[in-house]
PDB file of N, CA and C in Angstrom:
ATOM      1  N   UNK A   1      -2.621 -10.057  -1.368  1.00  0.00           N
ATOM      2  CA  UNK A   1      -1.658  -9.178  -1.566  1.00  0.00           C
ATOM      3  C   UNK A   1      -2.234  -7.720  -1.627  1.00  0.00           C
ATOM      4  N   UNK A   2      -1.878  -6.470  -0.775  1.00  0.00           N
ATOM      5  CA  UNK A   2      -2.037  -5.091  -1.015  1.00  0.00           C
ATOM      6  C   UNK A   2      -0.769  -4.383  -1.338  1.00  0.00           C
ATOM      7  N   UNK A   3      -1.364  -3.676  -2.156  1.00  0.00           N
ATOM      8  CA  UNK A   3      -0.396  -2.443  -2.439  1.00  0.00           C
ATOM      9  C   UNK A   3      -0.913  -0.709  -1.958  1.00  0.00           C
ATOM     10  N   UNK A   4      -0.035  -0.068  -1.378  1.00  0.00           N
ATOM     11  CA  UNK A   4      -0.614   1.145  -0.890  1.00  0.00           C
ATOM     12  C   UNK A   4       0.287   1.950  -1.512  1.00  0.00           C
ATOM     13  N   UNK A   5      -0.332   3.153  -2.493  1.00  0.00           N
ATOM     14  CA  UNK A   5       1.036   4.001  -3.188  1.00  0.00           C
ATOM     15  C   UNK A   5       0.643   5.348  -3.233  1.00  0.00           C
ATOM     16  N   UNK A   6       1.175   6.561  -2.828  1.00  0.00           N
ATOM     17  CA  UNK A   6       0.732   7.346  -2.937  1.00  0.00           C
ATOM     18  C   UNK A   6       1.311   8.146  -4.194  1.00  0.00           C
ATOM     19  N   UNK A   7       0.640   8.720  -5.095  1.00  0.00           N
ATOM     20  CA  UNK A   7       1.216   8.923  -6.567  1.00  0.00           C
ATOM     21  C   UNK A   7       1.046  10.740  -6.628  1.00  0.00           C
ATOM     22  N   UNK A   8       1.986  11.140  -7.423  1.00  0.00           N
ATOM     23  CA  UNK A   8       2.437  12.454  -7.497  1.00  0.00           C
ATOM     24  C   UNK A   8       1.018  13.634  -8.132  1.00  0.00           C
ATOM     25  N   UNK A   9       0.947  14.632  -7.442  1.00  0.00           N
ATOM     26  CA  UNK A   9      -0.018  15.620  -8.023  1.00  0.00           C
ATOM     27  C   UNK A   9       0.722  16.032  -9.123  1.00  0.00           C
ATOM     28  N   UNK A  10       0.598  15.350 -10.121  1.00  0.00           N
ATOM     29  CA  UNK A  10       1.086  15.727 -11.337  1.00  0.00           C
ATOM     30  C   UNK A  10       0.454  15.212 -12.795  1.00  0.00           C
ATOM     31  N   UNK A  11       1.213  15.621 -13.770  1.00  0.00           N
ATOM     32  CA  UNK A  11       0.098  14.879 -15.107  1.00  0.00           C
ATOM     33  C   UNK A  11       0.491  13.354 -15.124  1.00  0.00           C
ATOM     34  N   UNK A  12       1.522  13.006 -14.793  1.00  0.00           N
ATOM     35  CA  UNK A  12       1.923  11.336 -14.927  1.00  0.00           C
ATOM     36  C   UNK A  12       1.803  10.553 -14.015  1.00  0.00           C
ATOM     37  N   UNK A  13       0.575  11.107 -12.953  1.00  0.00           N
ATOM     38  CA  UNK A  13       0.116  10.117 -11.871  1.00  0.00           C
ATOM     39  C   UNK A  13      -0.595   9.090 -12.376  1.00  0.00           C
ATOM     40  N   UNK A  14      -1.634   9.291 -13.456  1.00  0.00           N
ATOM     41  CA  UNK A  14      -2.376   8.180 -14.397  1.00  0.00           C
ATOM     42  C   UNK A  14      -1.044   7.186 -14.675  1.00  0.00           C
ATOM     43  N   UNK A  15       0.012   7.849 -15.153  1.00  0.00           N
ATOM     44  CA  UNK A  15       0.855   6.528 -16.155  1.00  0.00           C
ATOM     45  C   UNK A  15       1.623   5.966 -14.956  1.00  0.00           C
ATOM     46  N   UNK A  16       1.713   6.470 -14.036  1.00  0.00           N
ATOM     47  CA  UNK A  16       2.248   5.371 -12.542  1.00  0.00           C
ATOM     48  C   UNK A  16       1.627   4.404 -12.167  1.00  0.00           C
ATOM     49  N   UNK A  17       0.047   5.136 -12.010  1.00  0.00           N
ATOM     50  CA  UNK A  17      -1.149   3.961 -11.641  1.00  0.00           C
ATOM     51  C   UNK A  17      -1.301   2.794 -12.807  1.00  0.00           C
ATOM     52  N   UNK A  18      -0.586   3.121 -13.798  1.00  0.00           N
ATOM     53  CA  UNK A  18      -1.167   2.183 -15.060  1.00  0.00           C
ATOM     54  C   UNK A  18      -0.135   1.208 -14.798  1.00  0.00           C
ATOM     55  N   UNK A  19       0.915   1.781 -14.640  1.00  0.00           N
ATOM     56  CA  UNK A  19       2.529   0.719 -14.237  1.00  0.00           C
ATOM     57  C   UNK A  19       1.941  -0.588 -13.128  1.00  0.00           C
ATOM     58  N   UNK A  20       1.566   0.442 -11.730  1.00  0.00           N
ATOM     59  CA  UNK A  20       1.490  -0.537 -10.696  1.00  0.00           C
ATOM     60  C   UNK A  20       0.582  -1.579 -11.183  1.00  0.00           C
ATOM     61  N   UNK A  21      -0.746  -1.402 -11.715  1.00  0.00           N
ATOM     62  CA  UNK A  21      -1.762  -2.382 -12.352  1.00  0.00           C
ATOM     63  C   UNK A  21      -1.251  -3.391 -13.139  1.00  0.00           C
ATOM     64  N   UNK A  22      -0.498  -2.687 -13.914  1.00  0.00           N
ATOM     65  CA  UNK A  22       0.236  -3.751 -15.085  1.00  0.00           C
ATOM     66  C   UNK A  22       0.707  -5.057 -14.397  1.00  0.00           C
ATOM     67  N   UNK A  23       1.854  -4.420 -13.472  1.00  0.00           N
ATOM     68  CA  UNK A  23       2.878  -5.280 -12.814  1.00  0.00           C
ATOM     69  C   UNK A  23       2.164  -5.865 -11.527  1.00  0.00           C
ATOM     70  N   UNK A  24       1.123  -5.474 -11.055  1.00  0.00           N
ATOM     71  CA  UNK A  24       0.190  -6.319  -9.891  1.00  0.00           C
ATOM     72  C   UNK A  24      -0.200  -7.717  -9.796  1.00  0.00           C
ATOM     73  N   UNK A  25       0.330  -8.744  -9.041  1.00  0.00           N
ATOM     74  CA  UNK A  25       0.042 -10.196  -9.231  1.00  0.00           C
ATOM     75  C   UNK A  25      -1.115 -10.347  -8.677  1.00  0.00           C
ATOM     76  N   UNK A  26      -2.395 -10.595  -9.425  1.00  0.00           N
ATOM     77  CA  UNK A  26      -3.796 -11.130  -9.038  1.00  0.00           C
ATOM     78  C   UNK A  26      -4.095 -12.048 -10.004  1.00  0.00           C
ATOM     79  N   UNK A  27      -5.126 -12.579 -10.299  1.00  0.00           N
ATOM     80  CA  UNK A  27      -5.632 -13.168 -11.016  1.00  0.00           C
ATOM     81  C   UNK A  27      -6.569 -13.008 -12.109  1.00  0.00           C
ATOM     82  N   UNK A  28      -6.179 -11.622 -12.768  1.00  0.00           N
ATOM     83  CA  UNK A  28      -6.612 -11.149 -13.876  1.00  0.00           C
ATOM     84  C   UNK A  28      -6.004 -11.764 -15.185  1.00  0.00           C
ATOM     85  N   UNK A  29      -7.048 -12.287 -16.248  1.00  0.00           N
ATOM     86  CA  UNK A  29      -6.545 -12.244 -17.411  1.00  0.00           C
ATOM     87  C   UNK A  29      -6.152 -10.894 -18.227  1.00  0.00           C
ATOM     88  N   UNK A  30      -5.655 -11.277 -19.367  1.00  0.00           N
ATOM     89  CA  UNK A  30      -5.422 -10.373 -19.893  1.00  0.00           C
ATOM     90  C   UNK A  30      -6.114  -9.008 -20.398  1.00  0.00           C
ATOM     91  N   UNK A  31      -7.150  -9.821 -21.214  1.00  0.00           N
ATOM     92  CA  UNK A  31      -8.240  -8.617 -21.187  1.00  0.00           C
ATOM     93  C   UNK A  31      -9.034  -7.702 -19.977  1.00  0.00           C
ATOM     94  N   UNK A  32      -9.080  -8.716 -18.755  1.00  0.00           N
ATOM     95  CA  UNK A  32      -9.183  -8.263 -17.551  1.00  0.00           C
ATOM     96  C   UNK A  32      -8.391  -7.381 -16.924  1.00  0.00           C
ATOM     97  N   UNK A  33      -6.996  -6.990 -17.194  1.00  0.00           N
ATOM     98  CA  UNK A  33      -5.830  -6.656 -16.838  1.00  0.00           C
ATOM     99  C   UNK A  33      -5.750  -5.327 -17.815  1.00  0.00           C
ATOM    100  N   UNK A  34      -6.321  -5.328 -18.772  1.00  0.00           N
ATOM    101  CA  UNK A  34      -6.542  -4.048 -19.848  1.00  0.00           C
ATOM    102  C   UNK A  34      -7.593  -3.373 -19.269  1.00  0.00           C
ATOM    103  N   UNK A  35      -8.788  -3.860 -18.692  1.00  0.00           N
ATOM    104  CA  UNK A  35      -9.695  -3.155 -18.402  1.00  0.00           C
ATOM    105  C   UNK A  35      -9.378  -2.362 -17.163  1.00  0.00           C
ATOM    106  N   UNK A  36      -8.850  -3.026 -15.596  1.00  0.00           N
ATOM    107  CA  UNK A  36      -8.211  -2.493 -14.839  1.00  0.00           C
ATOM    108  C   UNK A  36      -7.333  -1.394 -15.105  1.00  0.00           C
ATOM    109  N   UNK A  37      -6.560  -1.467 -16.452  1.00  0.00           N
ATOM    110  CA  UNK A  37      -5.780  -0.205 -16.410  1.00  0.00           C
ATOM    111  C   UNK A  37      -6.491   0.998 -17.026  1.00  0.00           C
ATOM    112  N   UNK A  38      -7.194   0.533 -17.544  1.00  0.00           N
ATOM    113  CA  UNK A  38      -8.535   1.426 -18.141  1.00  0.00           C
ATOM    114  C   UNK A  38      -8.978   2.287 -16.792  1.00  0.00           C
ATOM    115  N   UNK A  39      -9.597   1.780 -16.349  1.00  0.00           N
ATOM    116  CA  UNK A  39     -10.489   2.035 -15.026  1.00  0.00           C
ATOM    117  C   UNK A  39      -9.521   2.833 -13.949  1.00  0.00           C
ATOM    118  N   UNK A  40      -8.328   2.510 -13.595  1.00  0.00           N
ATOM    119  CA  UNK A  40      -7.690   2.968 -12.739  1.00  0.00           C
ATOM    120  C   UNK A  40      -7.203   4.277 -13.371  1.00  0.00           C
ATOM    121  N   UNK A  41      -6.779   4.404 -14.922  1.00  0.00           N
ATOM    122  CA  UNK A  41      -6.033   5.707 -15.118  1.00  0.00           C
ATOM    123  C   UNK A  41      -7.659   6.617 -15.493  1.00  0.00           C
ATOM    124  N   UNK A  42      -8.720   6.182 -15.549  1.00  0.00           N
ATOM    125  CA  UNK A  42      -9.904   7.259 -15.512  1.00  0.00           C
ATOM    126  C   UNK A  42      -9.524   7.812 -13.926  1.00  0.00           C
ATOM    127  N   UNK A  43      -9.605   7.104 -13.205  1.00  0.00           N
ATOM    128  CA  UNK A  43      -9.897   7.675 -11.677  1.00  0.00           C
ATOM    129  C   UNK A  43      -8.802   8.434 -10.857  1.00  0.00           C
ATOM    130  N   UNK A  44      -7.291   8.194 -11.660  1.00  0.00           N
ATOM    131  CA  UNK A  44      -6.749   9.169 -11.039  1.00  0.00           C
ATOM    132  C   UNK A  44      -6.412  10.083 -11.903  1.00  0.00           C
ATOM    133  N   UNK A  45      -6.827   9.970 -12.990  1.00  0.00           N
ATOM    134  CA  UNK A  45      -6.649  11.289 -13.932  1.00  0.00           C
ATOM    135  C   UNK A  45      -8.029  12.258 -13.343  1.00  0.00           C
ATOM    136  N   UNK A  46      -9.232  11.399 -12.763  1.00  0.00           N
ATOM    137  CA  UNK A  46     -10.305  12.746 -12.225  1.00  0.00           C
ATOM    138  C   UNK A  46      -9.769  13.018 -10.888  1.00  0.00           C
ATOM    139  N   UNK A  47      -9.000  12.431 -10.140  1.00  0.00           N
ATOM    140  CA  UNK A  47      -8.499  12.707  -8.799  1.00  0.00           C
ATOM    141  C   UNK A  47      -7.234  14.039  -9.203  1.00  0.00           C
ATOM    142  N   UNK A  48      -6.722  13.706 -10.295  1.00  0.00           N
ATOM    143  CA  UNK A  48      -5.592  14.986 -10.335  1.00  0.00           C
ATOM    144  C   UNK A  48      -6.259  16.220 -10.955  1.00  0.00           C
ATOM    145  N   UNK A  49      -7.347  15.900 -11.853  1.00  0.00           N
ATOM    146  CA  UNK A  49      -7.906  16.971 -12.197  1.00  0.00           C
ATOM    147  C   UNK A  49      -9.024  17.939 -11.116  1.00  0.00           C
ATOM    148  N   UNK A  50      -9.511  16.916 -10.505  1.00  0.00           N
ATOM    149  CA  UNK A  50     -10.708  17.899 -10.017  1.00  0.00           C
ATOM    150  C   UNK A  50     -10.663  17.850  -8.264  1.00  0.00           C
ATOM    151  N   UNK A  51      -9.507  16.817  -7.762  1.00  0.00           N
ATOM    152  CA  UNK A  51      -9.292  16.498  -6.417  1.00  0.00           C
ATOM    153  C   UNK A  51      -8.154  17.655  -5.767  1.00  0.00           C
ATOM    154  N   UNK A  52      -8.012  17.428  -4.467  1.00  0.00           N
ATOM    155  CA  UNK A  52      -7.168  18.338  -3.576  1.00  0.00           C
ATOM    156  C   UNK A  52      -6.024  17.232  -3.275  1.00  0.00           C
ATOM    157  N   UNK A  53      -5.010  17.668  -2.631  1.00  0.00           N
ATOM    158  CA  UNK A  53      -3.889  16.777  -2.057  1.00  0.00           C
ATOM    159  C   UNK A  53      -3.658  15.674  -2.208  1.00  0.00           C
ATOM    160  N   UNK A  54      -3.222  14.830  -1.662  1.00  0.00           N
ATOM    161  CA  UNK A  54      -2.453  13.384  -1.716  1.00  0.00           C
ATOM    162  C   UNK A  54      -3.599  12.936  -2.391  1.00  0.00           C
ATOM    163  N   UNK A  55      -3.029  12.158  -4.104  1.00  0.00           N
ATOM    164  CA  UNK A  55      -3.838  10.501  -4.368  1.00  0.00           C
ATOM    165  C   UNK A  55      -3.142   9.502  -3.963  1.00  0.00           C
ATOM    166  N   UNK A  56      -4.629   8.776  -3.616  1.00  0.00           N
ATOM    167  CA  UNK A  56      -3.904   7.698  -2.934  1.00  0.00           C
ATOM    168  C   UNK A  56      -4.051   6.163  -3.762  1.00  0.00           C
ATOM    169  N   UNK A  57      -3.495   5.152  -4.042  1.00  0.00           N
ATOM    170  CA  UNK A  57      -4.207   4.343  -4.750  1.00  0.00           C
ATOM    171  C   UNK A  57      -3.910   2.673  -3.820  1.00  0.00           C
ATOM    172  N   UNK A  58      -4.882   2.217  -3.934  1.00  0.00           N
ATOM    173  CA  UNK A  58      -4.879   0.934  -3.198  1.00  0.00           C
ATOM    174  C   UNK A  58      -5.058  -0.211  -4.008  1.00  0.00           C
ATOM    175  N   UNK A  59      -4.143  -1.450  -4.260  1.00  0.00           N
ATOM    176  CA  UNK A  59      -4.994  -2.160  -4.938  1.00  0.00           C
ATOM    177  C   UNK A  59      -4.931  -3.874  -4.204  1.00  0.00           C
ATOM    178  N   UNK A  60      -5.703  -4.361  -3.848  1.00  0.00           N
ATOM    179  CA  UNK A  60      -6.160  -5.675  -3.169  1.00  0.00           C
ATOM    180  C   UNK A  60      -5.993  -6.504  -4.151  1.00  0.00           C
ATOM    181  N   UNK A  61      -5.544  -7.665  -4.424  1.00  0.00           N
ATOM    182  CA  UNK A  61      -5.741  -8.876  -4.958  1.00  0.00           C
ATOM    183  C   UNK A  61      -7.077  -9.388  -4.178  1.00  0.00           C
ATOM    184  N   UNK A  62      -8.237 -10.248  -5.037  1.00  0.00           N
ATOM    185  CA  UNK A  62      -9.087 -10.996  -4.851  1.00  0.00           C
ATOM    186  C   UNK A  62      -9.149 -12.359  -4.463  1.00  0.00           C
ATOM    187  N   UNK A  63      -9.988 -13.270  -4.535  1.00  0.00           N
ATOM    188  CA  UNK A  63      -9.349 -14.298  -4.639  1.00  0.00           C
ATOM    189  C   UNK A  63      -9.810 -14.861  -6.403  1.00  0.00           C
ATOM    190  N   UNK A  64     -10.026 -14.248  -7.180  1.00  0.00           N
ATOM    191  CA  UNK A  64     -10.123 -13.935  -8.378  1.00  0.00           C
ATOM    192  C   UNK A  64      -9.732 -12.742  -9.506  1.00  0.00           C
ATOM    193  N   UNK A  65      -9.530 -12.021  -8.544  1.00  0.00           N
ATOM    194  CA  UNK A  65      -9.621 -10.413  -9.337  1.00  0.00           C
ATOM    195  C   UNK A  65      -8.920  -9.888  -8.424  1.00  0.00           C
ATOM    196  N   UNK A  66      -9.536  -8.273  -8.981  1.00  0.00           N
ATOM    197  CA  UNK A  66      -8.741  -7.280  -8.225  1.00  0.00           C
ATOM    198  C   UNK A  66      -9.904  -6.211  -7.651  1.00  0.00           C
ATOM    199  N   UNK A  67      -9.569  -5.597  -6.970  1.00  0.00           N
ATOM    200  CA  UNK A  67      -9.944  -4.485  -6.084  1.00  0.00           C
ATOM    201  C   UNK A  67      -8.875  -3.227  -5.964  1.00  0.00           C
ATOM    202  N   UNK A  68      -9.502  -2.250  -6.828  1.00  0.00           N
ATOM    203  CA  UNK A  68      -8.616  -0.723  -6.627  1.00  0.00           C
ATOM    204  C   UNK A  68      -9.393   0.309  -6.284  1.00  0.00           C
ATOM    205  N   UNK A  69      -8.738   0.837  -5.151  1.00  0.00           N
ATOM    206  CA  UNK A  69      -9.376   2.010  -4.503  1.00  0.00           C
ATOM    207  C   UNK A  69      -8.422   3.390  -5.125  1.00  0.00           C
ATOM    208  N   UNK A  70      -8.996   4.551  -5.640  1.00  0.00           N
ATOM    209  CA  UNK A  70      -8.325   6.043  -5.715  1.00  0.00           C
ATOM    210  C   UNK A  70      -9.144   6.726  -5.107  1.00  0.00           C
ATOM    211  N   UNK A  71      -8.136   7.430  -4.058  1.00  0.00           N
ATOM    212  CA  UNK A  71      -8.813   8.988  -3.337  1.00  0.00           C
ATOM    213  C   UNK A  71      -7.791   9.862  -3.383  1.00  0.00           C
ATOM    214  N   UNK A  72      -8.367  10.845  -3.171  1.00  0.00           N
ATOM    215  CA  UNK A  72      -7.857  12.423  -2.771  1.00  0.00           C
ATOM    216  C   UNK A  72      -8.396  13.049  -1.545  1.00  0.00           C
ATOM    217  N   UNK A  73      -8.133  14.094  -1.476  1.00  0.00           N
ATOM    218  CA  UNK A  73      -8.243  14.951  -0.099  1.00  0.00           C
ATOM    219  C   UNK A  73      -8.931  15.907  -0.530  1.00  0.00           C
ATOM    220  N   UNK A  74      -9.362  16.018  -1.766  1.00  0.00           N
ATOM    221  CA  UNK A  74     -11.152  16.730  -2.005  1.00  0.00           C
ATOM    222  C   UNK A  74     -12.608  16.796  -0.895  1.00  0.00           C
ATOM    223  N   UNK A  75     -13.000  17.477  -1.480  1.00  0.00           N
ATOM    224  CA  UNK A  75     -14.171  17.542  -0.857  1.00  0.00           C
ATOM    225  C   UNK A  75     -15.453  16.646  -0.971  1.00  0.00           C
ATOM    226  N   UNK A  76     -15.002  15.568  -2.192  1.00  0.00           N
ATOM    227  CA  UNK A  76     -15.884  14.771  -2.697  1.00  0.00           C
ATOM    228  C   UNK A  76     -16.646  15.204  -4.085  1.00  0.00           C
ATOM    229  N   UNK A  77     -17.677  14.196  -4.170  1.00  0.00           N
ATOM    230  CA  UNK A  77     -18.581  14.560  -5.579  1.00  0.00           C
ATOM    231  C   UNK A  77     -19.913  14.039  -5.153  1.00  0.00           C
ATOM    232  N   UNK A  78     -20.924  14.166  -6.327  1.00  0.00           N
ATOM    233  CA  UNK A  78     -21.854  13.430  -6.264  1.00  0.00           C
ATOM    234  C   UNK A  78     -21.850  12.830  -7.774  1.00  0.00           C
ATOM    235  N   UNK A  79     -21.967  11.666  -7.970  1.00  0.00           N
ATOM    236  CA  UNK A  79     -21.660  10.794  -8.988  1.00  0.00           C
ATOM    237  C   UNK A  79     -23.009  11.082 -10.123  1.00  0.00           C
ATOM    238  N   UNK A  80     -23.797  11.329  -9.341  1.00  0.00           N
ATOM    239  CA  UNK A  80     -24.768  11.443 -10.500  1.00  0.00           C
ATOM    240  C   UNK A  80     -24.814  12.800 -10.905  1.00  0.00           C
ATOM    241  N   UNK A  81     -24.280  13.693 -10.494  1.00  0.00           N
ATOM    242  CA  UNK A  81     -24.249  14.871 -10.960  1.00  0.00           C
ATOM    243  C   UNK A  81     -22.880  15.319 -11.780  1.00  0.00           C
ATOM    244  N   UNK A  82     -21.766  14.295 -11.502  1.00  0.00           N
ATOM    245  CA  UNK A  82     -20.569  14.445 -12.148  1.00  0.00           C
ATOM    246  C   UNK A  82     -20.612  14.292 -13.471  1.00  0.00           C
ATOM    247  N   UNK A  83     -20.388  15.439 -13.847  1.00  0.00           N
ATOM    248  CA  UNK A  83     -20.041  15.241 -15.843  1.00  0.00           C
ATOM    249  C   UNK A  83     -19.074  14.832 -16.474  1.00  0.00           C
ATOM    250  N   UNK A  84     -18.869  14.479 -17.490  1.00  0.00           N
ATOM    251  CA  UNK A  84     -17.359  13.833 -18.098  1.00  0.00           C
ATOM    252  C   UNK A  84     -18.351  12.425 -18.264  1.00  0.00           C
ATOM    253  N   UNK A  85     -17.298  11.489 -19.168  1.00  0.00           N
ATOM    254  CA  UNK A  85     -17.318  10.345 -19.373  1.00  0.00           C
ATOM    255  C   UNK A  85     -16.302   9.049 -18.304  1.00  0.00           C
ATOM    256  N   UNK A  86     -15.822   9.906 -17.717  1.00  0.00           N
ATOM    257  CA  UNK A  86     -14.564   8.870 -16.888  1.00  0.00           C
ATOM    258  C   UNK A  86     -15.474   7.675 -16.064  1.00  0.00           C
ATOM    259  N   UNK A  87     -16.311   8.140 -15.261  1.00  0.00           N
ATOM    260  CA  UNK A  87     -17.119   7.148 -14.487  1.00  0.00           C
ATOM    261  C   UNK A  87     -18.059   6.183 -15.404  1.00  0.00           C
ATOM    262  N   UNK A  88     -18.387   6.850 -16.493  1.00  0.00           N
ATOM    263  CA  UNK A  88     -19.284   5.968 -17.612  1.00  0.00           C
ATOM    264  C   UNK A  88     -18.256   4.383 -17.742  1.00  0.00           C
ATOM    265  N   UNK A  89     -16.971   5.042 -18.034  1.00  0.00           N
ATOM    266  CA  UNK A  89     -15.760   3.956 -18.596  1.00  0.00           C
ATOM    267  C   UNK A  89     -15.518   3.159 -17.124  1.00  0.00           C
ATOM    268  N   UNK A  90     -15.712   3.533 -16.278  1.00  0.00           N
ATOM    269  CA  UNK A  90     -15.029   2.766 -15.008  1.00  0.00           C
ATOM    270  C   UNK A  90     -16.444   1.877 -15.102  1.00  0.00           C
ATOM    271  N   UNK A  91     -17.602   1.897 -15.075  1.00  0.00           N
ATOM    272  CA  UNK A  91     -18.294   1.115 -14.944  1.00  0.00           C
ATOM    273  C   UNK A  91     -18.764   0.405 -16.110  1.00  0.00           C
ATOM    274  N   UNK A  92     -18.275   0.468 -17.219  1.00  0.00           N
ATOM    275  CA  UNK A  92     -18.434  -0.099 -18.147  1.00  0.00           C
ATOM    276  C   UNK A  92     -17.713  -1.620 -18.312  1.00  0.00           C
ATOM    277  N   UNK A  93     -16.008  -1.105 -17.953  1.00  0.00           N
ATOM    278  CA  UNK A  93     -15.496  -1.856 -17.603  1.00  0.00           C
ATOM    279  C   UNK A  93     -15.057  -2.495 -16.577  1.00  0.00           C
ATOM    280  N   UNK A  94     -15.752  -2.655 -15.519  1.00  0.00           N
ATOM    281  CA  UNK A  94     -15.139  -2.939 -14.083  1.00  0.00           C
ATOM    282  C   UNK A  94     -16.786  -3.800 -13.914  1.00  0.00           C
ATOM    283  N   UNK A  95     -16.418  -4.791 -12.958  1.00  0.00           N
ATOM    284  CA  UNK A  95     -17.840  -5.713 -12.576  1.00  0.00           C
ATOM    285  C   UNK A  95     -18.727  -4.912 -11.338  1.00  0.00           C
ATOM    286  N   UNK A  96     -17.623  -3.926 -10.979  1.00  0.00           N
ATOM    287  CA  UNK A  96     -18.937  -3.472  -9.774  1.00  0.00           C
ATOM    288  C   UNK A  96     -17.788  -1.836  -9.371  1.00  0.00           C
ATOM    289  N   UNK A  97     -18.583  -1.097  -9.045  1.00  0.00           N
ATOM    290  CA  UNK A  97     -18.277   0.256  -8.464  1.00  0.00           C
ATOM    291  C   UNK A  97     -18.517   1.334  -7.585  1.00  0.00           C
ATOM    292  N   UNK A  98     -17.985   1.764  -6.981  1.00  0.00           N
ATOM    293  CA  UNK A  98     -18.748   2.688  -6.033  1.00  0.00           C
ATOM    294  C   UNK A  98     -17.780   3.914  -4.940  1.00  0.00           C
ATOM    295  N   UNK A  99     -18.148   4.393  -4.048  1.00  0.00           N
ATOM    296  CA  UNK A  99     -17.852   5.179  -3.266  1.00  0.00           C
ATOM    297  C   UNK A  99     -17.701   4.986  -1.974  1.00  0.00           C
ATOM    298  N   UNK A 100     -16.056   5.403  -1.444  1.00  0.00           N
ATOM    299  CA  UNK A 100     -16.321   4.780   0.061  1.00  0.00           C
ATOM    300  C   UNK A 100     -16.574   6.112   0.960  1.00  0.00           C
ATOM    301  N   UNK A 101     -16.800   6.368   1.970  1.00  0.00           N
ATOM    302  CA  UNK A 101     -16.941   7.336   2.841  1.00  0.00           C
ATOM    303  C   UNK A 101     -16.631   8.731   2.491  1.00  0.00           C
ATOM    304  N   UNK A 102     -17.227   9.603   2.555  1.00  0.00           N
ATOM    305  CA  UNK A 102     -16.736  10.823   1.863  1.00  0.00           C
ATOM    306  C   UNK A 102     -16.955  11.451   0.507  1.00  0.00           C
ATOM    307  N   UNK A 103     -17.247  10.412  -0.217  1.00  0.00           N
ATOM    308  CA  UNK A 103     -17.128  10.623  -1.500  1.00  0.00           C
ATOM    309  C   UNK A 103     -15.962  10.950  -2.337  1.00  0.00           C
ATOM    310  N   UNK A 104     -15.013  10.857  -1.945  1.00  0.00           N
ATOM    311  CA  UNK A 104     -13.063  11.255  -2.288  1.00  0.00           C
ATOM    312  C   UNK A 104     -12.691   9.786  -2.784  1.00  0.00           C
ATOM    313  N   UNK A 105     -13.287   9.055  -2.313  1.00  0.00           N
ATOM    314  CA  UNK A 105     -12.379   7.569  -2.455  1.00  0.00           C
ATOM    315  C   UNK A 105     -13.432   6.742  -3.495  1.00  0.00           C
ATOM    316  N   UNK A 106     -12.878   6.742  -4.547  1.00  0.00           N
ATOM    317  CA  UNK A 106     -13.847   5.443  -5.942  1.00  0.00           C
ATOM    318  C   UNK A 106     -12.974   4.629  -5.812  1.00  0.00           C
ATOM    319  N   UNK A 107     -13.988   2.957  -5.659  1.00  0.00           N
ATOM    320  CA  UNK A 107     -13.283   1.940  -6.135  1.00  0.00           C
ATOM    321  C   UNK A 107     -14.004   1.128  -7.120  1.00  0.00           C
ATOM    322  N   UNK A 108     -13.388  -0.197  -7.350  1.00  0.00           N
ATOM    323  CA  UNK A 108     -13.642  -0.657  -8.717  1.00  0.00           C
ATOM    324  C   UNK A 108     -13.044  -2.264  -8.562  1.00  0.00           C
ATOM    325  N   UNK A 109     -14.100  -3.330  -8.939  1.00  0.00           N
ATOM    326  CA  UNK A 109     -13.705  -4.309  -8.753  1.00  0.00           C
ATOM    327  C   UNK A 109     -13.553  -4.866 -10.357  1.00  0.00           C
ATOM    328  N   UNK A 110     -12.541  -5.732 -10.729  1.00  0.00           N
ATOM    329  CA  UNK A 110     -12.822  -6.686 -11.867  1.00  0.00           C
ATOM    330  C   UNK A 110     -12.228  -7.683 -11.895  1.00  0.00           C
ATOM    331  N   UNK A 111     -13.271  -9.000 -12.235  1.00  0.00           N
ATOM    332  CA  UNK A 111     -12.908 -10.273 -12.142  1.00  0.00           C
ATOM    333  C   UNK A 111     -12.765 -10.996 -10.663  1.00  0.00           C
ATOM    334  N   UNK A 112     -13.897 -10.361 -10.191  1.00  0.00           N
ATOM    335  CA  UNK A 112     -14.199 -10.469  -8.634  1.00  0.00           C
ATOM    336  C   UNK A 112     -15.779 -11.358  -8.838  1.00  0.00           C
ATOM    337  N   UNK A 113     -16.411 -11.042  -9.531  1.00  0.00           N
ATOM    338  CA  UNK A 113     -17.822 -11.542  -9.587  1.00  0.00           C
ATOM    339  C   UNK A 113     -18.217 -12.715 -10.591  1.00  0.00           C
ATOM    340  N   UNK A 114     -17.023 -13.017 -11.409  1.00  0.00           N
ATOM    341  CA  UNK A 114     -17.400 -14.059 -12.445  1.00  0.00           C
ATOM    342  C   UNK A 114     -18.078 -13.166 -13.393  1.00  0.00           C
ATOM    343  N   UNK A 115     -18.525 -12.252 -13.550  1.00  0.00           N
ATOM    344  CA  UNK A 115     -19.764 -11.830 -14.605  1.00  0.00           C
ATOM    345  C   UNK A 115     -19.442 -10.647 -15.665  1.00  0.00           C
ATOM    346  N   UNK A 116     -18.108 -10.719 -15.376  1.00  0.00           N
ATOM    347  CA  UNK A 116     -17.030  -9.743 -16.382  1.00  0.00           C
ATOM    348  C   UNK A 116     -16.718 -10.271 -17.742  1.00  0.00           C
ATOM    349  N   UNK A 117     -17.452  -9.539 -18.751  1.00  0.00           N
ATOM    350  CA  UNK A 117     -17.148  -9.895 -20.283  1.00  0.00           C
ATOM    351  C   UNK A 117     -16.220  -9.935 -20.954  1.00  0.00           C
TER     352      UNK A 117
END
């Protein structure tokens, strides 16, 4: 299952993303779903604060988890130079995360590797 959504460039964008993750049908347990909600909230808040243009969210169910991708139309960023704690939070609660081409789309996976505590 895949859901593609365009979120508003507005303060409530992260709330809408959290709702989509909470209602998304995939194989996450309660703790993993909570972690996914935290991670998507951080990424959408970053896209709203630091990005430009449309904010997009893609949720994809994996055989035993979730992959989420959050993007915007900004210029991208260098994750090594990024200030703040948002990406650190994403890294702490997800099994894996990274950047797609152009560094304006960040993804994470939870429950997919079987290594998530």
